Amino acid sequence: MSGVSISAFAPRVDVTQGYMSNVELGHKVPTVEFLARVARELGVSLDAVSYVIPDCGHEEAAA
């Protein structure tokens, strides 16, 4: 979404700027319906906007 502000894009996918910002910051988990609207608006597949990068953190083993 380079070059497009949240305030301009949010209405195009029928969400508030606050919701969009919270998703972007990781404070909210987006719904599938929201991701589908984003994908449709961008002209890409749902996979393109919903790919999850696996956590690369290392959990310490319980003693």
PDB file of N, CA and C in Angstrom:
ATOM      1  N   MET A   1       0.819  -1.184   0.000  1.00  0.00           N
ATOM      2  CA  MET A   1       0.000   0.000   0.000  1.00  0.00           C
ATOM      3  C   MET A   1       0.863   1.247   0.000  1.00  0.00           C
ATOM      4  N   SER A   2       1.998   1.168  -0.502  1.00  0.00           N
ATOM      5  CA  SER A   2       2.905   2.301  -0.532  1.00  0.00           C
ATOM      6  C   SER A   2       2.246   3.493  -1.208  1.00  0.00           C
ATOM      7  N   GLY A   3       2.311   4.635  -0.540  1.00  0.00           N
ATOM      8  CA  GLY A   3       1.759   5.845  -1.106  1.00  0.00           C
ATOM      9  C   GLY A   3       0.280   6.065  -0.828  1.00  0.00           C
ATOM     10  N   VAL A   4      -0.368   5.154  -0.132  1.00  0.00           N
ATOM     11  CA  VAL A   4      -1.789   5.299   0.193  1.00  0.00           C
ATOM     12  C   VAL A   4      -1.918   5.420   1.709  1.00  0.00           C
ATOM     13  N   SER A   5      -2.584   6.456   2.154  1.00  0.00           N
ATOM     14  CA  SER A   5      -2.750   6.655   3.597  1.00  0.00           C
ATOM     15  C   SER A   5      -3.878   5.774   4.135  1.00  0.00           C
ATOM     16  N   ILE A   6      -3.817   5.527   5.434  1.00  0.00           N
ATOM     17  CA  ILE A   6      -4.877   4.771   6.096  1.00  0.00           C
ATOM     18  C   ILE A   6      -6.203   5.520   5.947  1.00  0.00           C
ATOM     19  N   SER A   7      -6.156   6.833   6.059  1.00  0.00           N
ATOM     20  CA  SER A   7      -7.393   7.601   5.963  1.00  0.00           C
ATOM     21  C   SER A   7      -8.029   7.502   4.574  1.00  0.00           C
ATOM     22  N   ALA A   8      -7.222   7.291   3.547  1.00  0.00           N
ATOM     23  CA  ALA A   8      -7.757   7.133   2.197  1.00  0.00           C
ATOM     24  C   ALA A   8      -8.179   5.698   1.909  1.00  0.00           C
ATOM     25  N   PHE A   9      -7.464   4.726   2.461  1.00  0.00           N
ATOM     26  CA  PHE A   9      -7.740   3.324   2.141  1.00  0.00           C
ATOM     27  C   PHE A   9      -8.862   2.725   2.986  1.00  0.00           C
ATOM     28  N   ALA A  10      -8.951   3.090   4.247  1.00  0.00           N
ATOM     29  CA  ALA A  10      -9.943   2.497   5.155  1.00  0.00           C
ATOM     30  C   ALA A  10     -11.370   2.560   4.604  1.00  0.00           C
ATOM     31  N   PRO A  11     -11.841   3.707   4.115  1.00  0.00           N
ATOM     32  CA  PRO A  11     -13.208   3.734   3.586  1.00  0.00           C
ATOM     33  C   PRO A  11     -13.395   2.836   2.359  1.00  0.00           C
ATOM     34  N   ARG A  12     -12.335   2.612   1.625  1.00  0.00           N
ATOM     35  CA  ARG A  12     -12.427   1.766   0.422  1.00  0.00           C
ATOM     36  C   ARG A  12     -12.650   0.302   0.774  1.00  0.00           C
ATOM     37  N   VAL A  13     -12.301  -0.088   2.014  1.00  0.00           N
ATOM     38  CA  VAL A  13     -12.528  -1.466   2.453  1.00  0.00           C
ATOM     39  C   VAL A  13     -13.540  -1.518   3.601  1.00  0.00           C
ATOM     40  N   ASP A  14     -14.284  -0.414   3.776  1.00  0.00           N
ATOM     41  CA  ASP A  14     -15.408  -0.344   4.712  1.00  0.00           C
ATOM     42  C   ASP A  14     -15.031  -0.597   6.168  1.00  0.00           C
ATOM     43  N   VAL A  15     -13.932   0.030   6.617  1.00  0.00           N
ATOM     44  CA  VAL A  15     -13.546  -0.022   8.028  1.00  0.00           C
ATOM     45  C   VAL A  15     -13.160   1.384   8.465  1.00  0.00           C
ATOM     46  N   THR A  16     -13.059   1.569   9.772  1.00  0.00           N
ATOM     47  CA  THR A  16     -12.621   2.865  10.286  1.00  0.00           C
ATOM     48  C   THR A  16     -11.109   2.971  10.207  1.00  0.00           C
ATOM     49  N   GLN A  17     -10.625   4.202  10.268  1.00  0.00           N
ATOM     50  CA  GLN A  17      -9.185   4.419  10.299  1.00  0.00           C
ATOM     51  C   GLN A  17      -8.577   3.774  11.544  1.00  0.00           C
ATOM     52  N   GLY A  18      -9.317   3.837  12.649  1.00  0.00           N
ATOM     53  CA  GLY A  18      -8.841   3.243  13.898  1.00  0.00           C
ATOM     54  C   GLY A  18      -8.650   1.739  13.781  1.00  0.00           C
ATOM     55  N   TYR A  19      -9.629   1.063  13.166  1.00  0.00           N
ATOM     56  CA  TYR A  19      -9.519  -0.392  12.985  1.00  0.00           C
ATOM     57  C   TYR A  19      -8.315  -0.712  12.111  1.00  0.00           C
ATOM     58  N   MET A  20      -8.193   0.012  11.009  1.00  0.00           N
ATOM     59  CA  MET A  20      -7.089  -0.224  10.083  1.00  0.00           C
ATOM     60  C   MET A  20      -5.744  -0.018  10.781  1.00  0.00           C
ATOM     61  N   SER A  21      -5.639   1.022  11.563  1.00  0.00           N
ATOM     62  CA  SER A  21      -4.415   1.314  12.292  1.00  0.00           C
ATOM     63  C   SER A  21      -4.111   0.221  13.315  1.00  0.00           C
ATOM     64  N   ASN A  22      -5.131  -0.232  14.027  1.00  0.00           N
ATOM     65  CA  ASN A  22      -4.936  -1.287  15.021  1.00  0.00           C
ATOM     66  C   ASN A  22      -4.483  -2.593  14.388  1.00  0.00           C
ATOM     67  N   VAL A  23      -5.000  -2.913  13.214  1.00  0.00           N
ATOM     68  CA  VAL A  23      -4.556  -4.117  12.493  1.00  0.00           C
ATOM     69  C   VAL A  23      -3.101  -3.946  12.079  1.00  0.00           C
ATOM     70  N   GLU A  24      -2.786  -2.784  11.519  1.00  0.00           N
ATOM     71  CA  GLU A  24      -1.428  -2.518  11.063  1.00  0.00           C
ATOM     72  C   GLU A  24      -0.418  -2.611  12.207  1.00  0.00           C
ATOM     73  N   LEU A  25      -0.800  -2.137  13.383  1.00  0.00           N
ATOM     74  CA  LEU A  25       0.097  -2.151  14.541  1.00  0.00           C
ATOM     75  C   LEU A  25       0.109  -3.491  15.280  1.00  0.00           C
ATOM     76  N   GLY A  26      -0.759  -4.405  14.870  1.00  0.00           N
ATOM     77  CA  GLY A  26      -0.813  -5.709  15.526  1.00  0.00           C
ATOM     78  C   GLY A  26      -1.650  -5.747  16.784  1.00  0.00           C
ATOM     79  N   HIS A  27      -2.446  -4.705  17.028  1.00  0.00           N
ATOM     80  CA  HIS A  27      -3.301  -4.657  18.212  1.00  0.00           C
ATOM     81  C   HIS A  27      -4.609  -5.414  18.015  1.00  0.00           C
ATOM     82  N   LYS A  28      -4.990  -5.619  16.765  1.00  0.00           N
ATOM     83  CA  LYS A  28      -6.201  -6.384  16.434  1.00  0.00           C
ATOM     84  C   LYS A  28      -5.851  -7.419  15.377  1.00  0.00           C
ATOM     85  N   VAL A  29      -6.516  -8.544  15.460  1.00  0.00           N
ATOM     86  CA  VAL A  29      -6.368  -9.588  14.445  1.00  0.00           C
ATOM     87  C   VAL A  29      -7.447  -9.338  13.395  1.00  0.00           C
ATOM     88  N   PRO A  30      -7.054  -9.193  12.142  1.00  0.00           N
ATOM     89  CA  PRO A  30      -8.048  -8.901  11.108  1.00  0.00           C
ATOM     90  C   PRO A  30      -8.947 -10.105  10.831  1.00  0.00           C
ATOM     91  N   THR A  31     -10.192  -9.818  10.484  1.00  0.00           N
ATOM     92  CA  THR A  31     -11.101 -10.894  10.108  1.00  0.00           C
ATOM     93  C   THR A  31     -10.811 -11.331   8.677  1.00  0.00           C
ATOM     94  N   VAL A  32     -11.261 -12.517   8.329  1.00  0.00           N
ATOM     95  CA  VAL A  32     -11.104 -13.004   6.962  1.00  0.00           C
ATOM     96  C   VAL A  32     -11.863 -12.096   6.002  1.00  0.00           C
ATOM     97  N   GLU A  33     -13.029 -11.623   6.426  1.00  0.00           N
ATOM     98  CA  GLU A  33     -13.825 -10.735   5.580  1.00  0.00           C
ATOM     99  C   GLU A  33     -13.058  -9.443   5.278  1.00  0.00           C
ATOM    100  N   PHE A  34     -12.409  -8.886   6.286  1.00  0.00           N
ATOM    101  CA  PHE A  34     -11.614  -7.674   6.092  1.00  0.00           C
ATOM    102  C   PHE A  34     -10.461  -7.951   5.125  1.00  0.00           C
ATOM    103  N   LEU A  35      -9.747  -9.049   5.336  1.00  0.00           N
ATOM    104  CA  LEU A  35      -8.630  -9.387   4.453  1.00  0.00           C
ATOM    105  C   LEU A  35      -9.107  -9.604   3.020  1.00  0.00           C
ATOM    106  N   ALA A  36     -10.285 -10.193   2.865  1.00  0.00           N
ATOM    107  CA  ALA A  36     -10.831 -10.412   1.525  1.00  0.00           C
ATOM    108  C   ALA A  36     -11.133  -9.080   0.842  1.00  0.00           C
ATOM    109  N   ARG A  37     -11.670  -8.117   1.595  1.00  0.00           N
ATOM    110  CA  ARG A  37     -11.944  -6.795   1.016  1.00  0.00           C
ATOM    111  C   ARG A  37     -10.660  -6.080   0.628  1.00  0.00           C
ATOM    112  N   VAL A  38      -9.625  -6.205   1.463  1.00  0.00           N
ATOM    113  CA  VAL A  38      -8.325  -5.602   1.155  1.00  0.00           C
ATOM    114  C   VAL A  38      -7.752  -6.228  -0.112  1.00  0.00           C
ATOM    115  N   ALA A  39      -7.784  -7.549  -0.176  1.00  0.00           N
ATOM    116  CA  ALA A  39      -7.261  -8.247  -1.359  1.00  0.00           C
ATOM    117  C   ALA A  39      -8.006  -7.822  -2.616  1.00  0.00           C
ATOM    118  N   ARG A  40      -9.320  -7.765  -2.528  1.00  0.00           N
ATOM    119  CA  ARG A  40     -10.136  -7.369  -3.680  1.00  0.00           C
ATOM    120  C   ARG A  40      -9.797  -5.943  -4.120  1.00  0.00           C
ATOM    121  N   GLU A  41      -9.675  -5.042  -3.156  1.00  0.00           N
ATOM    122  CA  GLU A  41      -9.366  -3.642  -3.466  1.00  0.00           C
ATOM    123  C   GLU A  41      -7.982  -3.498  -4.107  1.00  0.00           C
ATOM    124  N   LEU A  42      -7.037  -4.321  -3.662  1.00  0.00           N
ATOM    125  CA  LEU A  42      -5.680  -4.259  -4.204  1.00  0.00           C
ATOM    126  C   LEU A  42      -5.512  -5.089  -5.475  1.00  0.00           C
ATOM    127  N   GLY A  43      -6.506  -5.927  -5.777  1.00  0.00           N
ATOM    128  CA  GLY A  43      -6.420  -6.770  -6.967  1.00  0.00           C
ATOM    129  C   GLY A  43      -5.427  -7.905  -6.831  1.00  0.00           C
ATOM    130  N   VAL A  44      -5.330  -8.445  -5.606  1.00  0.00           N
ATOM    131  CA  VAL A  44      -4.417  -9.561  -5.338  1.00  0.00           C
ATOM    132  C   VAL A  44      -5.191 -10.700  -4.684  1.00  0.00           C
ATOM    133  N   SER A  45      -4.542 -11.839  -4.542  1.00  0.00           N
ATOM    134  CA  SER A  45      -5.190 -12.988  -3.902  1.00  0.00           C
ATOM    135  C   SER A  45      -5.264 -12.793  -2.393  1.00  0.00           C
ATOM    136  N   LEU A  46      -6.170 -13.523  -1.768  1.00  0.00           N
ATOM    137  CA  LEU A  46      -6.280 -13.505  -0.313  1.00  0.00           C
ATOM    138  C   LEU A  46      -4.968 -13.952   0.314  1.00  0.00           C
ATOM    139  N   ASP A  47      -4.312 -14.928  -0.285  1.00  0.00           N
ATOM    140  CA  ASP A  47      -3.012 -15.390   0.229  1.00  0.00           C
ATOM    141  C   ASP A  47      -1.997 -14.264   0.289  1.00  0.00           C
ATOM    142  N   ALA A  48      -2.054 -13.350  -0.668  1.00  0.00           N
ATOM    143  CA  ALA A  48      -1.080 -12.257  -0.723  1.00  0.00           C
ATOM    144  C   ALA A  48      -1.200 -11.308   0.469  1.00  0.00           C
ATOM    145  N   VAL A  49      -2.379 -11.216   1.062  1.00  0.00           N
ATOM    146  CA  VAL A  49      -2.554 -10.304   2.198  1.00  0.00           C
ATOM    147  C   VAL A  49      -2.703 -11.028   3.530  1.00  0.00           C
ATOM    148  N   SER A  50      -2.655 -12.352   3.514  1.00  0.00           N
ATOM    149  CA  SER A  50      -2.873 -13.080   4.767  1.00  0.00           C
ATOM    150  C   SER A  50      -1.747 -14.040   5.126  1.00  0.00           C
ATOM    151  N   TYR A  51      -0.650 -13.997   4.399  1.00  0.00           N
ATOM    152  CA  TYR A  51       0.470 -14.875   4.717  1.00  0.00           C
ATOM    153  C   TYR A  51       1.034 -14.518   6.078  1.00  0.00           C
ATOM    154  N   VAL A  52       1.223 -15.513   6.918  1.00  0.00           N
ATOM    155  CA  VAL A  52       1.765 -15.304   8.255  1.00  0.00           C
ATOM    156  C   VAL A  52       3.212 -15.761   8.274  1.00  0.00           C
ATOM    157  N   ILE A  53       4.083 -14.879   8.707  1.00  0.00           N
ATOM    158  CA  ILE A  53       5.495 -15.237   8.833  1.00  0.00           C
ATOM    159  C   ILE A  53       5.659 -15.992  10.139  1.00  0.00           C
ATOM    160  N   PRO A  54       6.196 -17.210  10.077  1.00  0.00           N
ATOM    161  CA  PRO A  54       6.358 -17.996  11.298  1.00  0.00           C
ATOM    162  C   PRO A  54       7.222 -17.263  12.320  1.00  0.00           C
ATOM    163  N   ASP A  55       6.885 -17.436  13.572  1.00  0.00           N
ATOM    164  CA  ASP A  55       7.650 -16.824  14.652  1.00  0.00           C
ATOM    165  C   ASP A  55       9.027 -17.469  14.704  1.00  0.00           C
ATOM    166  N   CYS A  56      10.042 -16.658  14.631  1.00  0.00           N
ATOM    167  CA  CYS A  56      11.410 -17.169  14.651  1.00  0.00           C
ATOM    168  C   CYS A  56      12.020 -17.124  16.041  1.00  0.00           C
ATOM    169  N   GLY A  57      11.225 -16.723  17.009  1.00  0.00           N
ATOM    170  CA  GLY A  57      11.724 -16.640  18.394  1.00  0.00           C
ATOM    171  C   GLY A  57      11.978 -18.020  18.945  1.00  0.00           C
ATOM    172  N   HIS A  58      12.832 -18.079  19.892  1.00  0.00           N
ATOM    173  CA  HIS A  58      13.172 -19.355  20.513  1.00  0.00           C
ATOM    174  C   HIS A  58      12.578 -19.391  21.910  1.00  0.00           C
ATOM    175  N   GLU A  59      11.762 -20.408  22.159  1.00  0.00           N
ATOM    176  CA  GLU A  59      11.188 -20.560  23.486  1.00  0.00           C
ATOM    177  C   GLU A  59      12.155 -21.386  24.325  1.00  0.00           C
ATOM    178  N   GLU A  60      12.298 -20.972  25.564  1.00  0.00           N
ATOM    179  CA  GLU A  60      13.176 -21.736  26.439  1.00  0.00           C
ATOM    180  C   GLU A  60      12.460 -23.009  26.876  1.00  0.00           C
ATOM    181  N   ALA A  61      13.189 -24.097  26.884  1.00  0.00           N
ATOM    182  CA  ALA A  61      12.613 -25.373  27.308  1.00  0.00           C
ATOM    183  C   ALA A  61      12.340 -25.340  28.800  1.00  0.00           C
ATOM    184  N   ALA A  62      11.209 -25.922  29.189  1.00  0.00           N
ATOM    185  CA  ALA A  62      10.879 -25.993  30.598  1.00  0.00           C
ATOM    186  C   ALA A  62      11.853 -26.916  31.299  1.00  0.00           C
ATOM    187  N   ALA A  63      12.288 -26.505  32.485  1.00  0.00           N
ATOM    188  CA  ALA A  63      13.272 -27.322  33.231  1.00  0.00           C
ATOM    189  C   ALA A  63      12.619 -28.492  33.900  1.00  0.00           C
TER     190      ALA A  63
END
